[in-house]
Amino acid sequence: MAQAAIRRGVIKRLPCEVCGDPKSQAHHDDYARPLDVRFLCVTHHVEFHLAINDRIRAAQATAGDDA
C-alpha cells in the first residue's frame, strides 16, 4: 500500500532519515497504519530490523529466566 501511495504521490519518498541516502525504502513501525512510514536506506533498514530482533530475543531470554 505504501508503494502505491508513493507512486500516486500521496506519500513523498524521502531520503534515509539516518544517512540521507536518496535511495530509501519505506519502513512501517506499525502495519495497522500503512501510510505512516519512515524512510531508511537498505543498510539502515536491515540494521533497524536486526536491532528489533535482538531486543525480542533478549526479552524472551529474560522471560525464560523467570520461569
Protein backbone atom coordinates (compact mmCIF):
# COMPACT_ATOMS: atom_id res chain seq x y z
CA MET A 1 0.00 0.00 0.00
CA ALA A 2 2.83 2.44 0.81
CA GLN A 3 4.49 1.83 -2.55
CA ALA A 4 1.24 2.54 -4.38
CA ALA A 5 0.80 5.72 -2.34
CA ILE A 6 4.33 6.79 -3.29
CA ARG A 7 3.60 6.13 -6.99
CA ARG A 8 0.35 8.15 -6.77
CA GLY A 9 2.13 11.00 -4.98
CA VAL A 10 0.15 10.57 -1.76
CA ILE A 11 3.43 9.97 0.09
CA LYS A 12 6.67 11.59 -0.97
CA ARG A 13 9.72 9.35 -0.82
CA LEU A 14 12.29 10.98 1.43
CA PRO A 15 16.00 10.27 1.86
CA CYS A 16 17.13 7.85 4.57
CA GLU A 17 16.44 9.51 7.91
CA VAL A 18 19.79 8.24 9.25
CA CYS A 19 22.32 8.97 6.49
CA GLY A 20 20.44 10.95 3.85
CA ASP A 21 20.81 8.35 1.06
CA PRO A 22 18.16 9.22 -1.55
CA LYS A 23 17.68 5.51 -2.38
CA SER A 24 15.39 4.78 0.55
CA GLN A 25 12.78 2.18 1.44
CA ALA A 26 9.52 2.70 3.30
CA HIS A 27 9.56 1.11 6.77
CA HIS A 28 6.42 0.55 8.82
CA ASP A 29 6.67 0.82 12.60
CA ASP A 30 3.00 -0.23 12.77
CA TYR A 31 1.43 -2.21 9.92
CA ALA A 32 -2.02 -1.15 11.16
CA ARG A 33 -1.08 2.34 9.90
CA PRO A 34 0.03 1.51 6.34
CA LEU A 35 0.64 5.09 5.22
CA ASP A 36 2.64 6.03 8.32
CA VAL A 37 6.17 5.17 7.21
CA ARG A 38 9.74 6.23 7.78
CA PHE A 39 12.35 6.10 5.07
CA LEU A 40 15.57 4.16 5.51
CA CYS A 41 18.29 3.09 3.06
CA VAL A 42 18.83 -0.65 2.66
CA THR A 43 21.71 -0.68 5.15
CA HIS A 44 19.84 1.16 7.90
CA HIS A 45 16.61 -0.74 7.21
CA VAL A 46 18.43 -4.04 7.78
CA GLU A 47 20.20 -2.67 10.88
CA PHE A 48 16.87 -1.49 12.28
CA HIS A 49 15.29 -4.94 11.88
CA LEU A 50 18.36 -6.67 13.35
CA ALA A 51 18.16 -4.40 16.40
CA ILE A 52 14.45 -5.18 16.83
CA ASN A 53 15.14 -8.92 16.57
CA ASP A 54 17.94 -8.61 19.16
CA ARG A 55 15.56 -6.85 21.57
CA ILE A 56 12.91 -9.54 21.06
CA ARG A 57 15.42 -12.33 21.73
CA ALA A 58 16.70 -10.54 24.85
CA ALA A 59 13.17 -10.10 26.16
CA GLN A 60 12.38 -13.76 25.51
CA ALA A 61 15.56 -14.84 27.29
CA THR A 62 14.69 -12.64 30.28
CA ALA A 63 11.15 -14.03 30.38
CA GLY A 64 12.58 -17.54 30.26
CA ASP A 65 14.75 -16.78 33.31
CA ASP A 66 11.63 -16.03 35.34
CA ALA A 67 10.10 -19.44 34.66
